[in-house]
Amino acid sequence: MDKIKIKNLEVFAKHGVFPEENKLGQKFLVSVVLYTDTRKAGKTDDLTASIHYGEICRFIDAHMKSHTFQLIERAAETLAEELLLHTPHLEKLRLEVKKPWAPIGLPLETASVEIERQWHIAYIALGSNIGDRQANLDQAVEALAHLSRDIQTDELCSQNEADGGKDIRHTHVVKVSKYYETPPYGMTEQPDFLNACLKLRTLLSPQELLKTLQKIEKDAGRERVIHWGPRTLDLDIIFYDNLVLETADLCIPHVEMHKRRFVLEPLYDIAPYKRHPVYGKTVREMLEQADT
């Protein structure tokens, strides 16, 4: 991916742990690498096809000056997020916030924090076999389509709760499969499921996305009482970019998804050639093998 670079933009702001820093302020240096596709702008000489680095500089200056944080980690995180949310064509960035006048009482050139943040693509499996199954799935899709973050509390919530309806969503639903009637898996003495899959564009990390899905399940009345038992709503992360992850509470890709037709069939609707990062097989190939 192409890069647009801004190096050591000087901003006078009031971030710091000490009260004097918040009152008097000091100099910060901000550098950012913007990952985007400059091909169209390079061919057409059209600025609207690229990212206006002058506007990015003014955005950085305004953001750093209009907030007061104790940590440059927080300043960097919020700035990266706001740039990704508000900058068309921006897919990824690498951001460094330097604090050359850091009050540590020892000689140093600068203290800094450098982070990378980007938009991610995740695939989510949905299922329901209690109550109005279609309404349960529809409401989950709607919740994910309008997820934003309350700036004051830093808690994820609906878009309207966070910002009065402005289009600064942290997730975007790109595609949704058809809904499939499927027999129960594991514990078979229960009603049939309605299953689907969706493609999600998100700024959330895997753990943040998991927490969000669990909250949506809880809001839908999900109770985790019986393993493989009936549920109003079941949401699982199937893929997250090409990430391979194993923690105590999360495995990506989802364990045994390559064997489960009720996952693969709706996933095939929206991503037939998405390749499993471990086994190297496409969704189409895995579905064909599951059928046999």
C-alpha atoms as a PDB file:
ATOM      1  CA  MET A   1       0.000   0.000   0.000  1.00  0.00           C
ATOM      2  CA  ASP A   2       1.204   3.537  -0.781  1.00  0.00           C
ATOM      3  CA  LYS A   3       2.222   5.976   1.961  1.00  0.00           C
ATOM      4  CA  ILE A   4       1.831   9.680   2.643  1.00  0.00           C
ATOM      5  CA  LYS A   5       4.190  10.903   5.375  1.00  0.00           C
ATOM      6  CA  ILE A   6       4.050  13.861   7.751  1.00  0.00           C
ATOM      7  CA  LYS A   7       7.118  14.242   9.948  1.00  0.00           C
ATOM      8  CA  ASN A   8       7.484  16.172  13.219  1.00  0.00           C
ATOM      9  CA  LEU A   9       4.488  18.488  13.036  1.00  0.00           C
ATOM     10  CA  GLU A  10       4.918  20.909  15.958  1.00  0.00           C
ATOM     11  CA  VAL A  11       1.896  21.325  18.230  1.00  0.00           C
ATOM     12  CA  PHE A  12       1.689  23.239  21.506  1.00  0.00           C
ATOM     13  CA  ALA A  13      -0.717  21.348  23.766  1.00  0.00           C
ATOM     14  CA  LYS A  14      -1.423  20.575  27.431  1.00  0.00           C
ATOM     15  CA  HIS A  15      -1.020  16.825  27.867  1.00  0.00           C
ATOM     16  CA  GLY A  16       0.811  15.465  30.902  1.00  0.00           C
ATOM     17  CA  VAL A  17       0.553  13.870  34.326  1.00  0.00           C
ATOM     18  CA  PHE A  18       1.577  16.981  36.259  1.00  0.00           C
ATOM     19  CA  PRO A  19      -0.891  19.863  36.825  1.00  0.00           C
ATOM     20  CA  GLU A  20       1.683  22.357  35.530  1.00  0.00           C
ATOM     21  CA  GLU A  21       1.754  20.555  32.175  1.00  0.00           C
ATOM     22  CA  ASN A  22      -2.033  20.790  31.883  1.00  0.00           C
ATOM     23  CA  LYS A  23      -1.938  24.491  32.746  1.00  0.00           C
ATOM     24  CA  LEU A  24       1.167  25.794  30.973  1.00  0.00           C
ATOM     25  CA  GLY A  25       1.420  23.344  28.079  1.00  0.00           C
ATOM     26  CA  GLN A  26       4.475  22.309  26.067  1.00  0.00           C
ATOM     27  CA  LYS A  27       5.658  21.356  22.605  1.00  0.00           C
ATOM     28  CA  PHE A  28       4.770  18.006  21.027  1.00  0.00           C
ATOM     29  CA  LEU A  29       5.989  16.601  17.721  1.00  0.00           C
ATOM     30  CA  VAL A  30       3.599  14.422  15.741  1.00  0.00           C
ATOM     31  CA  SER A  31       4.620  12.186  12.845  1.00  0.00           C
ATOM     32  CA  VAL A  32       2.197  10.051  10.868  1.00  0.00           C
ATOM     33  CA  VAL A  33       2.407   7.631   7.957  1.00  0.00           C
ATOM     34  CA  LEU A  34      -0.917   7.360   6.105  1.00  0.00           C
ATOM     35  CA  TYR A  35      -1.477   4.148   4.173  1.00  0.00           C
ATOM     36  CA  THR A  36      -3.692   4.605   1.131  1.00  0.00           C
ATOM     37  CA  ASP A  37      -3.884   3.967  -2.605  1.00  0.00           C
ATOM     38  CA  THR A  38      -2.418   6.961  -4.458  1.00  0.00           C
ATOM     39  CA  ARG A  39      -2.687   5.362  -7.908  1.00  0.00           C
ATOM     40  CA  LYS A  40      -5.813   7.236  -9.023  1.00  0.00           C
ATOM     41  CA  ALA A  41      -4.509  10.595  -7.759  1.00  0.00           C
ATOM     42  CA  GLY A  42      -1.184   9.938  -9.464  1.00  0.00           C
ATOM     43  CA  LYS A  43      -2.944   9.210 -12.752  1.00  0.00           C
ATOM     44  CA  THR A  44      -5.527  12.011 -12.644  1.00  0.00           C
ATOM     45  CA  ASP A  45      -3.811  14.771 -10.612  1.00  0.00           C
ATOM     46  CA  ASP A  46      -7.050  14.941  -8.604  1.00  0.00           C
ATOM     47  CA  LEU A  47      -6.562  15.782  -4.922  1.00  0.00           C
ATOM     48  CA  THR A  48      -9.959  14.349  -3.965  1.00  0.00           C
ATOM     49  CA  ALA A  49      -8.683  10.907  -4.977  1.00  0.00           C
ATOM     50  CA  SER A  50      -5.953  11.102  -2.342  1.00  0.00           C
ATOM     51  CA  ILE A  51      -5.499  12.432   1.216  1.00  0.00           C
ATOM     52  CA  HIS A  52      -4.939  16.172   1.716  1.00  0.00           C
ATOM     53  CA  TYR A  53      -1.914  16.280   4.026  1.00  0.00           C
ATOM     54  CA  GLY A  54      -2.503  19.971   4.765  1.00  0.00           C
ATOM     55  CA  GLU A  55      -5.948  19.167   6.137  1.00  0.00           C
ATOM     56  CA  ILE A  56      -4.489  16.243   8.105  1.00  0.00           C
ATOM     57  CA  CYS A  57      -1.968  18.615   9.730  1.00  0.00           C
ATOM     58  CA  ARG A  58      -4.722  21.017  10.731  1.00  0.00           C
ATOM     59  CA  PHE A  59      -6.809  18.121  12.055  1.00  0.00           C
ATOM     60  CA  ILE A  60      -3.900  16.892  14.196  1.00  0.00           C
ATOM     61  CA  ASP A  61      -3.230  20.392  15.513  1.00  0.00           C
ATOM     62  CA  ALA A  62      -6.884  20.943  16.442  1.00  0.00           C
ATOM     63  CA  HIS A  63      -7.267  17.526  18.095  1.00  0.00           C
ATOM     64  CA  MET A  64      -4.116  17.834  20.192  1.00  0.00           C
ATOM     65  CA  LYS A  65      -5.070  21.338  21.341  1.00  0.00           C
ATOM     66  CA  SER A  66      -8.740  20.653  22.087  1.00  0.00           C
ATOM     67  CA  HIS A  67      -8.105  17.730  24.465  1.00  0.00           C
ATOM     68  CA  THR A  68      -6.092  17.354  27.654  1.00  0.00           C
ATOM     69  CA  PHE A  69      -4.828  13.874  28.503  1.00  0.00           C
ATOM     70  CA  GLN A  70      -2.431  12.687  31.160  1.00  0.00           C
ATOM     71  CA  LEU A  71      -0.695  10.193  28.879  1.00  0.00           C
ATOM     72  CA  ILE A  72       0.723  10.565  25.388  1.00  0.00           C
ATOM     73  CA  GLU A  73      -0.462   6.975  24.919  1.00  0.00           C
ATOM     74  CA  ARG A  74      -4.023   8.278  25.235  1.00  0.00           C
ATOM     75  CA  ALA A  75      -3.318  11.261  22.986  1.00  0.00           C
ATOM     76  CA  ALA A  76      -1.923   8.936  20.313  1.00  0.00           C
ATOM     77  CA  GLU A  77      -4.785   6.434  20.599  1.00  0.00           C
ATOM     78  CA  THR A  78      -7.582   8.984  20.309  1.00  0.00           C
ATOM     79  CA  LEU A  79      -5.849  10.843  17.481  1.00  0.00           C
ATOM     80  CA  ALA A  80      -5.289   7.650  15.480  1.00  0.00           C
ATOM     81  CA  GLU A  81      -8.912   6.638  15.932  1.00  0.00           C
ATOM     82  CA  GLU A  82     -10.263  10.030  14.906  1.00  0.00           C
ATOM     83  CA  LEU A  83      -8.065  10.128  11.800  1.00  0.00           C
ATOM     84  CA  LEU A  84      -9.256   6.684  10.696  1.00  0.00           C
ATOM     85  CA  LEU A  85     -12.886   7.597  11.338  1.00  0.00           C
ATOM     86  CA  HIS A  86     -12.839  10.925   9.516  1.00  0.00           C
ATOM     87  CA  THR A  87     -10.365  10.510   6.639  1.00  0.00           C
ATOM     88  CA  PRO A  88     -11.677   9.092   3.349  1.00  0.00           C
ATOM     89  CA  HIS A  89      -9.330   6.609   1.602  1.00  0.00           C
ATOM     90  CA  LEU A  90      -7.298   6.024   4.786  1.00  0.00           C
ATOM     91  CA  GLU A  91      -6.903   2.298   5.533  1.00  0.00           C
ATOM     92  CA  LYS A  92      -4.070   2.250   8.062  1.00  0.00           C
ATOM     93  CA  LEU A  93      -1.698   4.601   9.851  1.00  0.00           C
ATOM     94  CA  ARG A  94       1.456   4.610  11.897  1.00  0.00           C
ATOM     95  CA  LEU A  95       1.509   7.461  14.392  1.00  0.00           C
ATOM     96  CA  GLU A  96       4.234   8.773  16.705  1.00  0.00           C
ATOM     97  CA  VAL A  97       3.699  11.422  19.375  1.00  0.00           C
ATOM     98  CA  LYS A  98       6.966  12.847  20.735  1.00  0.00           C
ATOM     99  CA  LYS A  99       7.385  14.831  23.934  1.00  0.00           C
ATOM    100  CA  PRO A 100      10.764  16.594  23.688  1.00  0.00           C
ATOM    101  CA  TRP A 101      10.276  18.641  26.866  1.00  0.00           C
ATOM    102  CA  ALA A 102       9.212  15.725  29.055  1.00  0.00           C
ATOM    103  CA  PRO A 103       9.786  16.817  32.704  1.00  0.00           C
ATOM    104  CA  ILE A 104      11.856  13.887  33.968  1.00  0.00           C
ATOM    105  CA  GLY A 105      14.808  15.839  35.382  1.00  0.00           C
ATOM    106  CA  LEU A 106      17.388  14.127  33.150  1.00  0.00           C
ATOM    107  CA  PRO A 107      18.818  15.082  29.755  1.00  0.00           C
ATOM    108  CA  LEU A 108      17.058  13.396  26.828  1.00  0.00           C
ATOM    109  CA  GLU A 109      16.229  14.189  23.237  1.00  0.00           C
ATOM    110  CA  THR A 110      12.604  13.092  23.400  1.00  0.00           C
ATOM    111  CA  ALA A 111      10.142  10.578  24.861  1.00  0.00           C
ATOM    112  CA  SER A 112       7.567   9.163  22.447  1.00  0.00           C
ATOM    113  CA  VAL A 113       4.823   6.649  21.786  1.00  0.00           C
ATOM    114  CA  GLU A 114       4.420   5.012  18.375  1.00  0.00           C
ATOM    115  CA  ILE A 115       1.360   2.966  17.392  1.00  0.00           C
ATOM    116  CA  GLU A 116      -0.168   1.335  14.304  1.00  0.00           C
ATOM    117  CA  ARG A 117      -3.925   1.225  13.812  1.00  0.00           C
ATOM    118  CA  GLN A 118      -6.108   0.241  10.859  1.00  0.00           C
ATOM    119  CA  TRP A 119      -9.450  -0.902   9.549  1.00  0.00           C
ATOM    120  CA  HIS A 120      -9.952  -4.666   9.800  1.00  0.00           C
ATOM    121  CA  ILE A 121     -12.232  -7.158   8.068  1.00  0.00           C
ATOM    122  CA  ALA A 122     -13.993  -9.704  10.262  1.00  0.00           C
ATOM    123  CA  TYR A 123     -16.526 -12.401   9.447  1.00  0.00           C
ATOM    124  CA  ILE A 124     -19.200 -13.059  12.068  1.00  0.00           C
ATOM    125  CA  ALA A 125     -21.503 -16.097  12.321  1.00  0.00           C
ATOM    126  CA  LEU A 126     -25.014 -15.507  13.675  1.00  0.00           C
ATOM    127  CA  GLY A 127     -27.502 -18.035  15.009  1.00  0.00           C
ATOM    128  CA  SER A 128     -30.801 -18.141  16.904  1.00  0.00           C
ATOM    129  CA  ASN A 129     -33.335 -20.823  17.867  1.00  0.00           C
ATOM    130  CA  ILE A 130     -35.423 -19.163  20.611  1.00  0.00           C
ATOM    131  CA  GLY A 131     -38.189 -16.605  20.121  1.00  0.00           C
ATOM    132  CA  ASP A 132     -38.461 -14.622  16.894  1.00  0.00           C
ATOM    133  CA  ARG A 133     -35.298 -15.956  15.298  1.00  0.00           C
ATOM    134  CA  GLN A 134     -35.303 -13.640  12.290  1.00  0.00           C
ATOM    135  CA  ALA A 135     -35.888 -10.583  14.473  1.00  0.00           C
ATOM    136  CA  ASN A 136     -33.013 -11.659  16.725  1.00  0.00           C
ATOM    137  CA  LEU A 137     -30.639 -11.860  13.762  1.00  0.00           C
ATOM    138  CA  ASP A 138     -31.941  -8.622  12.239  1.00  0.00           C
ATOM    139  CA  GLN A 139     -31.390  -6.761  15.508  1.00  0.00           C
ATOM    140  CA  ALA A 140     -27.833  -8.102  15.802  1.00  0.00           C
ATOM    141  CA  VAL A 141     -27.016  -6.933  12.272  1.00  0.00           C
ATOM    142  CA  GLU A 142     -28.496  -3.515  13.058  1.00  0.00           C
ATOM    143  CA  ALA A 143     -26.505  -3.243  16.298  1.00  0.00           C
ATOM    144  CA  LEU A 144     -23.227  -3.999  14.528  1.00  0.00           C
ATOM    145  CA  ALA A 145     -24.052  -1.632  11.668  1.00  0.00           C
ATOM    146  CA  HIS A 146     -24.383   1.352  14.006  1.00  0.00           C
ATOM    147  CA  LEU A 147     -21.735   0.757  16.627  1.00  0.00           C
ATOM    148  CA  SER A 148     -19.814   3.813  17.788  1.00  0.00           C
ATOM    149  CA  ARG A 149     -17.931   4.940  20.878  1.00  0.00           C
ATOM    150  CA  ASP A 150     -18.982   7.413  23.554  1.00  0.00           C
ATOM    151  CA  ILE A 151     -16.051   9.832  23.670  1.00  0.00           C
ATOM    152  CA  GLN A 152     -16.696  10.759  27.295  1.00  0.00           C
ATOM    153  CA  THR A 153     -16.835   7.215  28.704  1.00  0.00           C
ATOM    154  CA  ASP A 154     -14.896   5.390  25.961  1.00  0.00           C
ATOM    155  CA  GLU A 155     -17.660   2.755  26.010  1.00  0.00           C
ATOM    156  CA  LEU A 156     -19.020   1.227  22.835  1.00  0.00           C
ATOM    157  CA  CYS A 157     -22.682   1.986  22.202  1.00  0.00           C
ATOM    158  CA  SER A 158     -25.137   2.690  19.421  1.00  0.00           C
ATOM    159  CA  GLN A 159     -24.314   5.498  17.036  1.00  0.00           C
ATOM    160  CA  ASN A 160     -27.232   7.667  18.154  1.00  0.00           C
ATOM    161  CA  GLU A 161     -26.282   7.295  21.816  1.00  0.00           C
ATOM    162  CA  ALA A 162     -22.720   8.367  21.096  1.00  0.00           C
ATOM    163  CA  ASP A 163     -22.916  11.295  18.731  1.00  0.00           C
ATOM    164  CA  GLY A 164     -26.427  12.255  17.767  1.00  0.00           C
ATOM    165  CA  GLY A 165     -26.336  10.287  14.535  1.00  0.00           C
ATOM    166  CA  LYS A 166     -23.120  11.526  12.921  1.00  0.00           C
ATOM    167  CA  ASP A 167     -21.491   8.984  10.608  1.00  0.00           C
ATOM    168  CA  ILE A 168     -18.478   8.054  12.763  1.00  0.00           C
ATOM    169  CA  ARG A 169     -19.261   4.377  13.169  1.00  0.00           C
ATOM    170  CA  HIS A 170     -16.549   2.060  14.432  1.00  0.00           C
ATOM    171  CA  THR A 171     -18.051  -0.832  12.488  1.00  0.00           C
ATOM    172  CA  HIS A 172     -19.628  -1.104   9.048  1.00  0.00           C
ATOM    173  CA  VAL A 173     -21.605  -4.127   7.886  1.00  0.00           C
ATOM    174  CA  VAL A 174     -20.372  -4.767   4.348  1.00  0.00           C
ATOM    175  CA  LYS A 175     -22.366  -7.878   3.397  1.00  0.00           C
ATOM    176  CA  VAL A 176     -24.955 -10.163   4.995  1.00  0.00           C
ATOM    177  CA  SER A 177     -25.736 -13.687   3.816  1.00  0.00           C
ATOM    178  CA  LYS A 178     -29.148 -15.228   3.363  1.00  0.00           C
ATOM    179  CA  TYR A 179     -30.721 -16.762   6.464  1.00  0.00           C
ATOM    180  CA  TYR A 180     -30.536 -20.568   6.601  1.00  0.00           C
ATOM    181  CA  GLU A 181     -32.717 -23.012   8.517  1.00  0.00           C
ATOM    182  CA  THR A 182     -30.363 -25.585  10.047  1.00  0.00           C
ATOM    183  CA  PRO A 183     -30.696 -28.501  12.476  1.00  0.00           C
ATOM    184  CA  PRO A 184     -29.080 -28.097  15.923  1.00  0.00           C
ATOM    185  CA  TYR A 185     -25.456 -29.131  16.428  1.00  0.00           C
ATOM    186  CA  GLY A 186     -24.159 -30.992  19.489  1.00  0.00           C
ATOM    187  CA  MET A 187     -27.298 -31.074  21.638  1.00  0.00           C
ATOM    188  CA  THR A 188     -29.889 -32.165  19.058  1.00  0.00           C
ATOM    189  CA  GLU A 189     -33.055 -32.172  21.195  1.00  0.00           C
ATOM    190  CA  GLN A 190     -33.908 -28.522  20.658  1.00  0.00           C
ATOM    191  CA  PRO A 191     -35.532 -26.342  17.950  1.00  0.00           C
ATOM    192  CA  ASP A 192     -33.865 -25.738  14.589  1.00  0.00           C
ATOM    193  CA  PHE A 193     -31.611 -22.728  14.189  1.00  0.00           C
ATOM    194  CA  LEU A 194     -31.705 -19.792  11.842  1.00  0.00           C
ATOM    195  CA  ASN A 195     -28.089 -19.098  10.804  1.00  0.00           C
ATOM    196  CA  ALA A 196     -26.292 -16.395   8.832  1.00  0.00           C
ATOM    197  CA  CYS A 197     -22.894 -14.768   8.354  1.00  0.00           C
ATOM    198  CA  LEU A 198     -21.864 -11.176   7.827  1.00  0.00           C
ATOM    199  CA  LYS A 199     -18.759  -9.322   6.710  1.00  0.00           C
ATOM    200  CA  LEU A 200     -17.713  -6.527   9.046  1.00  0.00           C
ATOM    201  CA  ARG A 201     -15.292  -3.628   8.583  1.00  0.00           C
ATOM    202  CA  THR A 202     -14.138  -2.532  12.022  1.00  0.00           C
ATOM    203  CA  LEU A 203     -11.621  -0.578  14.071  1.00  0.00           C
ATOM    204  CA  LEU A 204     -12.108  -2.895  17.043  1.00  0.00           C
ATOM    205  CA  SER A 205      -9.388  -5.272  18.177  1.00  0.00           C
ATOM    206  CA  PRO A 206     -10.314  -8.989  18.397  1.00  0.00           C
ATOM    207  CA  GLN A 207     -10.863  -8.761  22.163  1.00  0.00           C
ATOM    208  CA  GLU A 208     -12.922  -5.564  21.829  1.00  0.00           C
ATOM    209  CA  LEU A 209     -15.005  -7.203  19.107  1.00  0.00           C
ATOM    210  CA  LEU A 210     -15.566 -10.288  21.282  1.00  0.00           C
ATOM    211  CA  LYS A 211     -16.705  -8.102  24.182  1.00  0.00           C
ATOM    212  CA  THR A 212     -19.042  -6.224  21.862  1.00  0.00           C
ATOM    213  CA  LEU A 213     -20.594  -9.415  20.487  1.00  0.00           C
ATOM    214  CA  GLN A 214     -21.142 -10.725  24.010  1.00  0.00           C
ATOM    215  CA  LYS A 215     -22.898  -7.479  24.975  1.00  0.00           C
ATOM    216  CA  ILE A 216     -25.197  -7.731  21.934  1.00  0.00           C
ATOM    217  CA  GLU A 217     -25.960 -11.344  22.887  1.00  0.00           C
ATOM    218  CA  LYS A 218     -26.733 -10.312  26.465  1.00  0.00           C
ATOM    219  CA  ASP A 219     -28.981  -7.473  25.289  1.00  0.00           C
ATOM    220  CA  ALA A 220     -30.884 -10.060  23.227  1.00  0.00           C
ATOM    221  CA  GLY A 221     -31.479 -12.186  26.338  1.00  0.00           C
ATOM    222  CA  ARG A 222     -28.713 -14.746  25.783  1.00  0.00           C
ATOM    223  CA  GLU A 223     -28.090 -16.957  28.832  1.00  0.00           C
ATOM    224  CA  ARG A 224     -25.069 -19.264  28.941  1.00  0.00           C
ATOM    225  CA  VAL A 225     -26.582 -22.143  30.900  1.00  0.00           C
ATOM    226  CA  ILE A 226     -26.260 -25.291  28.749  1.00  0.00           C
ATOM    227  CA  HIS A 227     -23.308 -25.890  26.422  1.00  0.00           C
ATOM    228  CA  TRP A 228     -24.651 -26.262  22.869  1.00  0.00           C
ATOM    229  CA  GLY A 229     -28.085 -25.510  24.313  1.00  0.00           C
ATOM    230  CA  PRO A 230     -30.873 -23.262  22.958  1.00  0.00           C
ATOM    231  CA  ARG A 231     -30.099 -19.564  22.643  1.00  0.00           C
ATOM    232  CA  THR A 232     -31.810 -16.376  21.567  1.00  0.00           C
ATOM    233  CA  LEU A 233     -28.640 -15.201  19.864  1.00  0.00           C
ATOM    234  CA  ASP A 234     -25.212 -16.644  19.166  1.00  0.00           C
ATOM    235  CA  LEU A 235     -22.449 -14.474  17.632  1.00  0.00           C
ATOM    236  CA  ASP A 236     -18.996 -15.872  16.819  1.00  0.00           C
ATOM    237  CA  ILE A 237     -15.886 -14.424  15.181  1.00  0.00           C
ATOM    238  CA  ILE A 238     -15.016 -16.764  12.301  1.00  0.00           C
ATOM    239  CA  PHE A 239     -12.185 -14.802  10.643  1.00  0.00           C
ATOM    240  CA  TYR A 240     -10.400 -11.555  11.540  1.00  0.00           C
ATOM    241  CA  ASP A 241      -8.196 -10.434   8.637  1.00  0.00           C
ATOM    242  CA  ASN A 242      -5.778 -13.362   8.271  1.00  0.00           C
ATOM    243  CA  LEU A 243      -5.093 -13.488  11.994  1.00  0.00           C
ATOM    244  CA  VAL A 244      -4.309 -16.734  13.814  1.00  0.00           C
ATOM    245  CA  LEU A 245      -4.959 -16.231  17.532  1.00  0.00           C
ATOM    246  CA  GLU A 246      -5.357 -18.458  20.559  1.00  0.00           C
ATOM    247  CA  THR A 247      -6.105 -17.077  24.025  1.00  0.00           C
ATOM    248  CA  ALA A 248      -7.999 -18.378  27.039  1.00  0.00           C
ATOM    249  CA  ASP A 249     -11.302 -16.985  25.745  1.00  0.00           C
ATOM    250  CA  LEU A 250     -10.848 -16.532  22.000  1.00  0.00           C
ATOM    251  CA  CYS A 251      -9.588 -18.618  19.071  1.00  0.00           C
ATOM    252  CA  ILE A 252      -9.388 -17.189  15.554  1.00  0.00           C
ATOM    253  CA  PRO A 253     -10.195 -18.715  13.100  1.00  0.00           C
ATOM    254  CA  HIS A 254     -13.102 -20.233  15.009  1.00  0.00           C
ATOM    255  CA  VAL A 255     -12.376 -23.803  16.075  1.00  0.00           C
ATOM    256  CA  GLU A 256     -13.800 -26.446  13.707  1.00  0.00           C
ATOM    257  CA  MET A 257     -15.596 -23.865  11.548  1.00  0.00           C
ATOM    258  CA  HIS A 258     -14.098 -25.696   8.559  1.00  0.00           C
ATOM    259  CA  LYS A 259     -16.258 -28.740   9.444  1.00  0.00           C
ATOM    260  CA  ARG A 260     -19.564 -26.997  10.082  1.00  0.00           C
ATOM    261  CA  ARG A 261     -21.931 -26.633   7.201  1.00  0.00           C
ATOM    262  CA  PHE A 262     -24.197 -24.227   9.127  1.00  0.00           C
ATOM    263  CA  VAL A 263     -21.243 -21.800   9.192  1.00  0.00           C
ATOM    264  CA  LEU A 264     -19.780 -22.505   5.760  1.00  0.00           C
ATOM    265  CA  GLU A 265     -23.012 -22.304   3.761  1.00  0.00           C
ATOM    266  CA  PRO A 266     -23.902 -18.708   4.716  1.00  0.00           C
ATOM    267  CA  LEU A 267     -20.214 -17.762   4.663  1.00  0.00           C
ATOM    268  CA  TYR A 268     -20.049 -19.048   1.087  1.00  0.00           C
ATOM    269  CA  ASP A 269     -22.761 -16.523   0.158  1.00  0.00           C
ATOM    270  CA  ILE A 270     -20.528 -13.569   1.004  1.00  0.00           C
ATOM    271  CA  ALA A 271     -16.932 -14.855   0.788  1.00  0.00           C
ATOM    272  CA  PRO A 272     -16.630 -18.037  -1.312  1.00  0.00           C
ATOM    273  CA  TYR A 273     -12.927 -17.516  -1.971  1.00  0.00           C
ATOM    274  CA  LYS A 274     -11.844 -16.336   1.461  1.00  0.00           C
ATOM    275  CA  ARG A 275      -8.940 -18.595   2.400  1.00  0.00           C
ATOM    276  CA  HIS A 276      -8.454 -20.216   5.809  1.00  0.00           C
ATOM    277  CA  PRO A 277      -5.160 -18.811   7.199  1.00  0.00           C
ATOM    278  CA  VAL A 278      -4.133 -22.183   8.699  1.00  0.00           C
ATOM    279  CA  TYR A 279      -5.414 -24.831   6.286  1.00  0.00           C
ATOM    280  CA  GLY A 280      -5.069 -22.721   3.145  1.00  0.00           C
ATOM    281  CA  LYS A 281      -8.454 -23.817   1.771  1.00  0.00           C
ATOM    282  CA  THR A 282     -11.137 -21.516   0.443  1.00  0.00           C
ATOM    283  CA  VAL A 283     -14.614 -21.408   1.955  1.00  0.00           C
ATOM    284  CA  ARG A 284     -15.872 -23.108  -1.202  1.00  0.00           C
ATOM    285  CA  GLU A 285     -13.387 -25.968  -0.813  1.00  0.00           C
ATOM    286  CA  MET A 286     -14.216 -26.393   2.879  1.00  0.00           C
ATOM    287  CA  LEU A 287     -17.941 -26.447   2.110  1.00  0.00           C
ATOM    288  CA  GLU A 288     -17.457 -29.099  -0.557  1.00  0.00           C
ATOM    289  CA  GLN A 289     -15.521 -31.251   1.898  1.00  0.00           C
ATOM    290  CA  ALA A 290     -18.137 -30.723   4.615  1.00  0.00           C
ATOM    291  CA  ASP A 291     -20.816 -31.950   2.201  1.00  0.00           C
ATOM    292  CA  THR A 292     -18.945 -35.221   1.707  1.00  0.00           C
END
